[in-house]
Every structure is written in structure tokens, then in C-alpha cells.
């Protein structure tokens, strides 16, 4: 039986990642509450209100992706990294990231309009960043998904030969 120190050392990296996922979830929930309050309560938001509500809408797939990332870390802790469950979790992360990217890309014409009306080119750049970063995460998740599927295939072939 392993002692507690060796168990913590074995799971140290995933433990840190779990804390990061938890911190991101708490920060996203706080941001969601703040943006929702500001967009509803403040009368001075004007043309920025739909942008804030759009950010609130994209927090739903973001929180779902964080939940799936937590589940994936649990599978890794249980030495089930190359399993169908981890592949499903990674696929859901990929789909959530693509959804976020599509939502921001769909909102880019309005963000461009607001940037032109308010003479704020920085908001257009921020909109582009918000659309591109989830797409990069989705591509990275797709590559990891392919690697996990290849690892699962190799594992199943090795299990059959033994």
C-alpha cells in the first residue's frame, strides 16, 4: 500500500490542474454574475449591452468545458486516460470550444459596428481574440482527441496480444 506522500506526488500535477479548473470556474461564475448585473442594472451601457449579454451566453459552454476537463483529470488520476470515457470528455471539450468560437464569430458584425460607431478599434481586436482563442483550443483538443484515440487503439491491441 502506498503511503500518502507518494500518492500526492503521483497526483501532484493533476491536483494542480484541478485547482486551476476550479479557480477558472469560480472566476467565470463571478464574471457571469457581474456582467449580468451590469447589463441589466446600468442604464449607461447603451450599445454595449448585447456584447455583455453575448459574453454571458458563452459562459455556459465554457463552464461545461471546465466540467469536462475536471472529469478528464479524474480519469487520468484513475489511470483511465486511454478509455472511451476520456475520449468522450475530450470530444465534449472540443465541441464546447467550437461553440464558443462560433458564437463570438457570429457576434463579430455587431462588434465591428460598435467599434465603428464608438470609434474604438480595440473592441474589434478584442472580439477577434475572443473568436480565435477558443478555436485554437478546439483545434488543440481535436489533436489530443486523435492522440487519445490512437493510444486507446494501441492499448486495445496490446491487451489482445497478451
N, C-alpha and C. Protein backbone atom coordinates (compact mmCIF):
# COMPACT_ATOMS: atom_id res chain seq x y z
N UNK A 1 0.84 -1.18 0.00
CA UNK A 1 0.00 0.00 0.00
C UNK A 1 0.89 1.24 0.00
N UNK A 2 0.57 2.14 -0.89
CA UNK A 2 1.36 3.37 -0.99
C UNK A 2 1.03 4.29 0.17
N UNK A 3 2.04 5.02 0.56
CA UNK A 3 1.76 6.00 1.60
C UNK A 3 1.19 7.26 0.98
N UNK A 4 0.72 8.16 1.81
CA UNK A 4 0.02 9.35 1.35
C UNK A 4 0.95 10.28 0.59
N UNK A 5 2.21 10.37 1.00
CA UNK A 5 3.14 11.27 0.34
C UNK A 5 3.37 10.83 -1.12
N UNK A 6 3.50 9.55 -1.36
CA UNK A 6 3.72 9.09 -2.73
C UNK A 6 2.46 9.26 -3.58
N UNK A 7 1.27 9.12 -2.96
CA UNK A 7 0.03 9.35 -3.70
C UNK A 7 -0.10 10.81 -4.11
N UNK A 8 0.26 11.72 -3.21
CA UNK A 8 0.20 13.14 -3.53
C UNK A 8 1.22 13.47 -4.61
N UNK A 9 2.40 12.88 -4.54
CA UNK A 9 3.42 13.12 -5.54
C UNK A 9 2.97 12.58 -6.90
N UNK A 10 2.32 11.42 -6.92
CA UNK A 10 1.83 10.85 -8.17
C UNK A 10 0.74 11.71 -8.80
N UNK A 11 -0.10 12.28 -7.98
CA UNK A 11 -1.23 13.06 -8.48
C UNK A 11 -0.98 14.56 -8.37
N UNK A 12 0.24 14.98 -8.15
CA UNK A 12 0.53 16.40 -7.94
C UNK A 12 0.19 17.26 -9.12
N UNK A 13 0.53 16.82 -10.33
CA UNK A 13 0.25 17.65 -11.49
C UNK A 13 -1.24 17.74 -11.78
N UNK A 14 -1.95 16.65 -11.63
CA UNK A 14 -3.39 16.71 -11.87
C UNK A 14 -4.09 17.47 -10.74
N UNK A 15 -3.55 17.41 -9.54
CA UNK A 15 -4.13 18.17 -8.43
C UNK A 15 -4.02 19.66 -8.71
N UNK A 16 -2.86 20.09 -9.21
CA UNK A 16 -2.68 21.50 -9.56
C UNK A 16 -3.65 21.89 -10.67
N UNK A 17 -3.81 21.04 -11.67
CA UNK A 17 -4.73 21.34 -12.76
C UNK A 17 -6.17 21.38 -12.28
N UNK A 18 -6.51 20.53 -11.32
CA UNK A 18 -7.87 20.57 -10.76
C UNK A 18 -8.12 21.89 -10.05
N UNK A 19 -7.12 22.39 -9.31
CA UNK A 19 -7.26 23.68 -8.65
C UNK A 19 -7.40 24.81 -9.67
N UNK A 20 -6.66 24.72 -10.77
CA UNK A 20 -6.77 25.73 -11.82
C UNK A 20 -8.16 25.70 -12.44
N UNK A 21 -8.67 24.51 -12.71
CA UNK A 21 -10.02 24.38 -13.27
C UNK A 21 -11.05 24.94 -12.29
N UNK A 22 -10.91 24.63 -11.02
CA UNK A 22 -11.82 25.15 -10.01
C UNK A 22 -11.75 26.68 -9.93
N UNK A 23 -10.53 27.23 -9.95
CA UNK A 23 -10.36 28.68 -9.90
C UNK A 23 -10.98 29.34 -11.13
N UNK A 24 -10.78 28.75 -12.30
CA UNK A 24 -11.39 29.30 -13.52
C UNK A 24 -12.90 29.25 -13.47
N UNK A 25 -13.45 28.18 -12.90
CA UNK A 25 -14.90 28.07 -12.79
C UNK A 25 -15.46 29.13 -11.84
N UNK A 26 -14.80 29.33 -10.71
CA UNK A 26 -15.25 30.35 -9.76
C UNK A 26 -15.14 31.74 -10.38
N UNK A 27 -14.04 32.00 -11.08
CA UNK A 27 -13.87 33.30 -11.73
C UNK A 27 -14.92 33.51 -12.82
N UNK A 28 -15.23 32.46 -13.58
CA UNK A 28 -16.24 32.59 -14.64
C UNK A 28 -17.62 32.84 -14.06
N UNK A 29 -17.95 32.18 -12.96
CA UNK A 29 -19.25 32.39 -12.34
C UNK A 29 -19.36 33.81 -11.78
N UNK A 30 -18.28 34.29 -11.17
CA UNK A 30 -18.27 35.68 -10.66
C UNK A 30 -18.39 36.68 -11.82
N UNK A 31 -17.67 36.44 -12.90
CA UNK A 31 -17.75 37.32 -14.06
C UNK A 31 -19.16 37.29 -14.65
N UNK A 32 -19.75 36.10 -14.72
CA UNK A 32 -21.11 35.97 -15.24
C UNK A 32 -22.08 36.80 -14.41
N UNK A 33 -21.99 36.67 -13.09
CA UNK A 33 -22.88 37.44 -12.22
C UNK A 33 -22.68 38.93 -12.36
N UNK A 34 -21.42 39.36 -12.42
CA UNK A 34 -21.12 40.79 -12.56
C UNK A 34 -21.62 41.34 -13.89
N UNK A 35 -21.33 40.63 -14.99
CA UNK A 35 -21.75 41.12 -16.30
C UNK A 35 -23.27 41.12 -16.44
N UNK A 36 -23.92 40.12 -15.88
CA UNK A 36 -25.37 40.08 -15.93
C UNK A 36 -25.97 41.23 -15.14
N UNK A 37 -25.41 41.50 -13.97
CA UNK A 37 -25.89 42.62 -13.15
C UNK A 37 -25.68 43.94 -13.86
N UNK A 38 -24.49 44.14 -14.41
CA UNK A 38 -24.18 45.41 -15.07
C UNK A 38 -25.05 45.59 -16.31
N UNK A 39 -25.24 44.53 -17.08
CA UNK A 39 -26.01 44.68 -18.31
C UNK A 39 -27.49 44.92 -18.04
N UNK A 40 -27.98 44.46 -16.90
CA UNK A 40 -29.40 44.67 -16.58
C UNK A 40 -29.59 45.97 -15.81
N UNK A 41 -28.73 46.25 -14.84
CA UNK A 41 -28.95 47.38 -13.94
C UNK A 41 -28.48 48.72 -14.49
N UNK A 42 -27.39 48.74 -15.26
CA UNK A 42 -26.83 50.02 -15.70
C UNK A 42 -27.58 50.54 -16.93
N UNK A 43 -27.98 51.78 -16.84
CA UNK A 43 -28.67 52.41 -17.97
C UNK A 43 -27.69 52.98 -18.99
N UNK A 44 -26.48 53.17 -18.59
CA UNK A 44 -25.49 53.81 -19.46
C UNK A 44 -24.75 52.84 -20.38
N UNK A 45 -25.17 51.58 -20.43
CA UNK A 45 -24.46 50.59 -21.26
C UNK A 45 -24.69 50.83 -22.75
N UNK A 46 -25.87 51.25 -23.12
CA UNK A 46 -26.16 51.59 -24.50
C UNK A 46 -25.93 50.45 -25.45
N UNK A 47 -25.05 50.67 -26.43
CA UNK A 47 -24.83 49.67 -27.47
C UNK A 47 -23.93 48.53 -27.01
N UNK A 48 -23.37 48.63 -25.81
CA UNK A 48 -22.51 47.57 -25.30
C UNK A 48 -23.29 46.45 -24.61
N UNK A 49 -24.57 46.68 -24.31
CA UNK A 49 -25.38 45.70 -23.60
C UNK A 49 -25.46 44.35 -24.33
N UNK A 50 -25.70 44.30 -25.65
CA UNK A 50 -25.73 42.99 -26.33
C UNK A 50 -24.38 42.26 -26.28
N UNK A 51 -23.30 43.01 -26.27
CA UNK A 51 -21.97 42.37 -26.17
C UNK A 51 -21.82 41.69 -24.82
N UNK A 52 -22.22 42.39 -23.76
CA UNK A 52 -22.13 41.81 -22.42
C UNK A 52 -23.03 40.60 -22.27
N UNK A 53 -24.22 40.68 -22.83
CA UNK A 53 -25.12 39.52 -22.77
C UNK A 53 -24.58 38.36 -23.61
N UNK A 54 -23.90 38.67 -24.71
CA UNK A 54 -23.27 37.62 -25.52
C UNK A 54 -22.16 36.92 -24.75
N UNK A 55 -21.40 37.69 -23.99
CA UNK A 55 -20.36 37.08 -23.16
C UNK A 55 -20.99 36.18 -22.10
N UNK A 56 -22.12 36.62 -21.54
CA UNK A 56 -22.82 35.78 -20.56
C UNK A 56 -23.30 34.48 -21.18
N UNK A 57 -23.76 34.53 -22.42
CA UNK A 57 -24.23 33.32 -23.10
C UNK A 57 -23.08 32.35 -23.34
N UNK A 58 -21.92 32.86 -23.69
CA UNK A 58 -20.78 31.98 -23.98
C UNK A 58 -20.17 31.37 -22.72
N UNK A 59 -20.57 31.86 -21.56
CA UNK A 59 -20.03 31.28 -20.34
C UNK A 59 -20.63 29.90 -20.06
N UNK A 60 -21.79 29.61 -20.62
CA UNK A 60 -22.42 28.30 -20.41
C UNK A 60 -21.58 27.19 -21.03
N UNK A 61 -21.20 27.27 -22.32
CA UNK A 61 -20.32 26.20 -22.84
C UNK A 61 -18.94 26.22 -22.21
N UNK A 62 -18.48 27.40 -21.75
CA UNK A 62 -17.19 27.46 -21.08
C UNK A 62 -17.21 26.68 -19.78
N UNK A 63 -18.25 26.86 -18.98
CA UNK A 63 -18.37 26.12 -17.71
C UNK A 63 -18.54 24.63 -17.97
N UNK A 64 -19.25 24.28 -19.04
CA UNK A 64 -19.40 22.87 -19.39
C UNK A 64 -18.06 22.27 -19.79
N UNK A 65 -17.26 23.02 -20.52
CA UNK A 65 -15.92 22.53 -20.90
C UNK A 65 -15.03 22.37 -19.67
N UNK A 66 -15.15 23.27 -18.71
CA UNK A 66 -14.38 23.13 -17.47
C UNK A 66 -14.82 21.89 -16.70
N UNK A 67 -16.11 21.61 -16.68
CA UNK A 67 -16.60 20.40 -16.02
C UNK A 67 -16.03 19.15 -16.70
N UNK A 68 -16.03 19.15 -18.02
CA UNK A 68 -15.49 18.00 -18.75
C UNK A 68 -13.98 17.88 -18.54
N UNK A 69 -13.28 19.01 -18.41
CA UNK A 69 -11.85 18.97 -18.13
C UNK A 69 -11.59 18.36 -16.75
N UNK A 70 -12.45 18.70 -15.78
CA UNK A 70 -12.32 18.11 -14.45
C UNK A 70 -12.54 16.59 -14.51
N UNK A 71 -13.54 16.18 -15.27
CA UNK A 71 -13.79 14.74 -15.42
C UNK A 71 -12.60 14.05 -16.10
N UNK A 72 -12.02 14.69 -17.09
CA UNK A 72 -10.85 14.13 -17.77
C UNK A 72 -9.68 13.98 -16.81
N UNK A 73 -9.49 14.95 -15.94
CA UNK A 73 -8.43 14.85 -14.94
C UNK A 73 -8.71 13.72 -13.95
N UNK A 74 -9.97 13.51 -13.62
CA UNK A 74 -10.31 12.37 -12.75
C UNK A 74 -9.99 11.04 -13.44
N UNK A 75 -10.27 10.94 -14.73
CA UNK A 75 -9.94 9.72 -15.47
C UNK A 75 -8.43 9.50 -15.50
N UNK A 76 -7.68 10.57 -15.65
CA UNK A 76 -6.22 10.45 -15.66
C UNK A 76 -5.72 9.99 -14.29
N UNK A 77 -6.32 10.51 -13.21
CA UNK A 77 -5.94 10.08 -11.86
C UNK A 77 -6.21 8.60 -11.64
N UNK A 78 -7.26 8.11 -12.24
CA UNK A 78 -7.64 6.70 -12.06
C UNK A 78 -6.97 5.78 -13.07
N UNK A 79 -5.98 6.29 -13.79
CA UNK A 79 -5.26 5.54 -14.83
C UNK A 79 -6.18 5.04 -15.93
N UNK A 80 -7.18 5.85 -16.25
CA UNK A 80 -8.09 5.54 -17.35
C UNK A 80 -8.02 6.63 -18.41
N UNK A 81 -6.81 7.12 -18.65
CA UNK A 81 -6.64 8.19 -19.62
C UNK A 81 -6.98 7.72 -21.02
N UNK A 82 -6.62 6.50 -21.34
CA UNK A 82 -6.91 5.96 -22.66
C UNK A 82 -8.13 5.06 -22.57
N UNK A 83 -9.29 5.69 -22.39
CA UNK A 83 -10.55 4.97 -22.31
C UNK A 83 -11.59 5.73 -23.13
N UNK A 84 -12.69 5.07 -23.38
CA UNK A 84 -13.76 5.72 -24.14
C UNK A 84 -14.34 6.92 -23.40
N UNK A 85 -14.38 6.85 -22.08
CA UNK A 85 -14.93 7.95 -21.29
C UNK A 85 -14.07 9.21 -21.42
N UNK A 86 -12.75 9.04 -21.41
CA UNK A 86 -11.88 10.21 -21.56
C UNK A 86 -11.96 10.78 -22.98
N UNK A 87 -12.15 9.91 -23.96
CA UNK A 87 -12.29 10.38 -25.33
C UNK A 87 -13.59 11.17 -25.49
N UNK A 88 -14.66 10.70 -24.84
CA UNK A 88 -15.93 11.43 -24.88
C UNK A 88 -15.80 12.79 -24.20
N UNK A 89 -15.11 12.84 -23.07
CA UNK A 89 -14.92 14.11 -22.37
C UNK A 89 -14.12 15.08 -23.23
N UNK A 90 -13.08 14.59 -23.86
CA UNK A 90 -12.25 15.45 -24.72
C UNK A 90 -13.04 15.92 -25.94
N UNK A 91 -13.90 15.07 -26.47
CA UNK A 91 -14.74 15.46 -27.60
C UNK A 91 -15.73 16.55 -27.19
N UNK A 92 -16.27 16.46 -25.98
CA UNK A 92 -17.20 17.48 -25.49
C UNK A 92 -16.48 18.80 -25.25
N UNK A 93 -15.23 18.74 -24.81
CA UNK A 93 -14.43 19.96 -24.66
C UNK A 93 -14.23 20.61 -26.03
N UNK A 94 -13.91 19.79 -27.03
CA UNK A 94 -13.70 20.30 -28.39
C UNK A 94 -14.97 20.96 -28.91
N UNK A 95 -16.11 20.30 -28.73
CA UNK A 95 -17.37 20.87 -29.22
C UNK A 95 -17.74 22.15 -28.48
N UNK A 96 -17.46 22.21 -27.19
CA UNK A 96 -17.73 23.43 -26.43
C UNK A 96 -16.87 24.59 -26.92
N UNK A 97 -15.61 24.31 -27.19
CA UNK A 97 -14.72 25.37 -27.69
C UNK A 97 -15.15 25.84 -29.08
N UNK A 98 -15.56 24.91 -29.94
CA UNK A 98 -16.07 25.31 -31.26
C UNK A 98 -17.34 26.14 -31.12
N UNK A 99 -18.21 25.79 -30.17
CA UNK A 99 -19.43 26.54 -29.94
C UNK A 99 -19.12 27.97 -29.51
N UNK A 100 -18.19 28.12 -28.58
CA UNK A 100 -17.81 29.45 -28.12
C UNK A 100 -17.25 30.26 -29.28
N UNK A 101 -16.39 29.64 -30.08
CA UNK A 101 -15.80 30.34 -31.22
C UNK A 101 -16.88 30.75 -32.23
N UNK A 102 -17.83 29.88 -32.49
CA UNK A 102 -18.90 30.21 -33.42
C UNK A 102 -19.79 31.34 -32.90
N UNK A 103 -20.07 31.34 -31.60
CA UNK A 103 -20.88 32.41 -31.03
C UNK A 103 -20.19 33.76 -31.14
N UNK A 104 -18.90 33.80 -30.84
CA UNK A 104 -18.18 35.07 -30.97
C UNK A 104 -18.00 35.48 -32.43
N UNK A 105 -17.80 34.50 -33.31
CA UNK A 105 -17.69 34.82 -34.73
C UNK A 105 -19.01 35.36 -35.25
N UNK A 106 -20.11 34.78 -34.81
CA UNK A 106 -21.42 35.28 -35.20
C UNK A 106 -21.70 36.69 -34.68
N UNK A 107 -21.13 37.04 -33.56
CA UNK A 107 -21.30 38.37 -33.00
C UNK A 107 -20.33 39.41 -33.52
N UNK A 108 -19.38 38.99 -34.35
CA UNK A 108 -18.37 39.93 -34.85
C UNK A 108 -18.94 41.08 -35.68
N UNK A 109 -19.97 40.88 -36.51
CA UNK A 109 -20.50 42.04 -37.23
C UNK A 109 -21.03 43.13 -36.29
N UNK A 110 -21.69 42.71 -35.22
CA UNK A 110 -22.17 43.71 -34.26
C UNK A 110 -21.00 44.37 -33.53
N UNK A 111 -19.99 43.58 -33.17
CA UNK A 111 -18.82 44.15 -32.51
C UNK A 111 -18.11 45.13 -33.45
N UNK A 112 -18.05 44.80 -34.73
CA UNK A 112 -17.45 45.71 -35.71
C UNK A 112 -18.27 47.01 -35.79
N UNK A 113 -19.60 46.87 -35.79
CA UNK A 113 -20.47 48.04 -35.83
C UNK A 113 -20.24 48.93 -34.60
N UNK A 114 -20.18 48.32 -33.43
CA UNK A 114 -19.95 49.09 -32.20
C UNK A 114 -18.59 49.77 -32.25
N UNK A 115 -17.57 49.07 -32.77
CA UNK A 115 -16.24 49.66 -32.89
C UNK A 115 -16.22 50.85 -33.83
N UNK A 116 -16.99 50.78 -34.90
CA UNK A 116 -17.05 51.90 -35.85
C UNK A 116 -17.83 53.07 -35.28
N UNK A 117 -18.97 52.79 -34.63
CA UNK A 117 -19.79 53.86 -34.08
C UNK A 117 -19.08 54.56 -32.92
N UNK A 118 -18.47 53.79 -32.06
CA UNK A 118 -17.83 54.34 -30.87
C UNK A 118 -16.39 54.76 -31.14
N UNK A 119 -15.92 54.52 -32.35
CA UNK A 119 -14.54 54.83 -32.75
C UNK A 119 -13.54 54.18 -31.79
N UNK A 120 -13.75 52.87 -31.58
CA UNK A 120 -12.90 52.11 -30.67
C UNK A 120 -12.39 50.86 -31.40
N UNK A 121 -11.25 50.98 -32.10
CA UNK A 121 -10.75 49.80 -32.82
C UNK A 121 -10.30 48.69 -31.88
N UNK A 122 -10.05 49.01 -30.63
CA UNK A 122 -9.62 48.00 -29.68
C UNK A 122 -10.69 46.96 -29.42
N UNK A 123 -11.96 47.37 -29.49
CA UNK A 123 -13.03 46.40 -29.26
C UNK A 123 -13.11 45.39 -30.40
N UNK A 124 -12.75 45.82 -31.60
CA UNK A 124 -12.72 44.89 -32.74
C UNK A 124 -11.61 43.87 -32.53
N UNK A 125 -10.47 44.32 -32.07
CA UNK A 125 -9.36 43.41 -31.78
C UNK A 125 -9.72 42.44 -30.67
N UNK A 126 -10.38 42.93 -29.63
CA UNK A 126 -10.81 42.05 -28.54
C UNK A 126 -11.81 41.01 -29.03
N UNK A 127 -12.71 41.42 -29.92
CA UNK A 127 -13.67 40.48 -30.49
C UNK A 127 -12.98 39.40 -31.30
N UNK A 128 -11.96 39.80 -32.06
CA UNK A 128 -11.20 38.81 -32.83
C UNK A 128 -10.47 37.83 -31.91
N UNK A 129 -9.90 38.35 -30.85
CA UNK A 129 -9.20 37.48 -29.89
C UNK A 129 -10.19 36.50 -29.25
N UNK A 130 -11.38 37.03 -28.88
CA UNK A 130 -12.38 36.16 -28.26
C UNK A 130 -12.91 35.10 -29.23
N UNK A 131 -12.82 35.36 -30.53
CA UNK A 131 -13.28 34.37 -31.51
C UNK A 131 -12.19 33.37 -31.86
N UNK A 132 -10.93 33.81 -31.86
CA UNK A 132 -9.83 32.96 -32.31
C UNK A 132 -9.31 32.03 -31.21
N UNK A 133 -9.22 32.51 -29.98
CA UNK A 133 -8.65 31.70 -28.90
C UNK A 133 -9.44 30.41 -28.66
N UNK A 134 -10.78 30.45 -28.59
CA UNK A 134 -11.49 29.17 -28.43
C UNK A 134 -11.30 28.24 -29.63
N UNK A 135 -11.14 28.82 -30.83
CA UNK A 135 -10.90 27.99 -32.00
C UNK A 135 -9.56 27.27 -31.88
N UNK A 136 -8.55 27.96 -31.37
CA UNK A 136 -7.23 27.34 -31.16
C UNK A 136 -7.34 26.22 -30.12
N UNK A 137 -8.10 26.47 -29.05
CA UNK A 137 -8.31 25.44 -28.03
C UNK A 137 -9.03 24.24 -28.64
N UNK A 138 -10.00 24.49 -29.50
CA UNK A 138 -10.73 23.39 -30.13
C UNK A 138 -9.82 22.57 -31.05
N UNK A 139 -8.95 23.23 -31.78
CA UNK A 139 -8.02 22.51 -32.64
C UNK A 139 -7.05 21.69 -31.79
N UNK A 140 -6.57 22.27 -30.71
CA UNK A 140 -5.68 21.54 -29.81
C UNK A 140 -6.40 20.34 -29.20
N UNK A 141 -7.66 20.52 -28.82
CA UNK A 141 -8.44 19.40 -28.27
C UNK A 141 -8.66 18.32 -29.33
N UNK A 142 -8.84 18.73 -30.58
CA UNK A 142 -9.02 17.75 -31.65
C UNK A 142 -7.75 16.93 -31.86
N UNK A 143 -6.59 17.58 -31.76
CA UNK A 143 -5.31 16.86 -31.88
C UNK A 143 -5.15 15.90 -30.71
N UNK A 144 -5.46 16.36 -29.50
CA UNK A 144 -5.38 15.48 -28.34
C UNK A 144 -6.37 14.33 -28.45
N UNK A 145 -7.54 14.60 -29.01
CA UNK A 145 -8.53 13.55 -29.20
C UNK A 145 -8.00 12.47 -30.13
N UNK A 146 -7.36 12.89 -31.20
CA UNK A 146 -6.78 11.92 -32.13
C UNK A 146 -5.67 11.11 -31.45
N UNK A 147 -4.83 11.77 -30.65
CA UNK A 147 -3.78 11.06 -29.92
C UNK A 147 -4.36 10.07 -28.92
N UNK A 148 -5.41 10.47 -28.21
CA UNK A 148 -6.04 9.56 -27.25
C UNK A 148 -6.68 8.37 -27.95
N UNK A 149 -7.30 8.61 -29.12
CA UNK A 149 -7.89 7.51 -29.87
C UNK A 149 -6.81 6.54 -30.35
N UNK A 150 -5.68 7.07 -30.82
CA UNK A 150 -4.56 6.20 -31.22
C UNK A 150 -4.01 5.43 -30.03
N UNK A 151 -3.89 6.10 -28.88
CA UNK A 151 -3.43 5.42 -27.68
C UNK A 151 -4.38 4.33 -27.23
N UNK A 152 -5.69 4.59 -27.35
CA UNK A 152 -6.69 3.57 -27.00
C UNK A 152 -6.60 2.38 -27.95
N UNK A 153 -6.39 2.65 -29.23
CA UNK A 153 -6.25 1.56 -30.20
C UNK A 153 -5.02 0.72 -29.91
N UNK A 154 -3.91 1.37 -29.60
CA UNK A 154 -2.67 0.63 -29.27
C UNK A 154 -2.87 -0.16 -28.00
N UNK A 155 -3.54 0.44 -27.00
CA UNK A 155 -3.79 -0.27 -25.75
C UNK A 155 -4.66 -1.51 -25.96
N UNK A 156 -5.70 -1.36 -26.78
CA UNK A 156 -6.59 -2.49 -27.02
C UNK A 156 -5.87 -3.58 -27.82
N UNK A 157 -4.98 -3.21 -28.74
CA UNK A 157 -4.20 -4.21 -29.47
C UNK A 157 -3.24 -4.94 -28.53
N UNK A 158 -2.62 -4.20 -27.62
CA UNK A 158 -1.72 -4.84 -26.66
C UNK A 158 -2.48 -5.77 -25.71
N UNK A 159 -3.69 -5.36 -25.31
CA UNK A 159 -4.49 -6.22 -24.44
C UNK A 159 -4.89 -7.50 -25.14
N UNK A 160 -5.12 -7.43 -26.45
CA UNK A 160 -5.50 -8.62 -27.21
C UNK A 160 -4.32 -9.57 -27.40
N UNK A 161 -3.10 -9.03 -27.54
CA UNK A 161 -1.93 -9.90 -27.76
C UNK A 161 -1.47 -10.57 -26.48
N UNK A 162 -1.76 -10.01 -25.35
CA UNK A 162 -1.34 -10.60 -24.07
C UNK A 162 -2.30 -11.65 -23.72
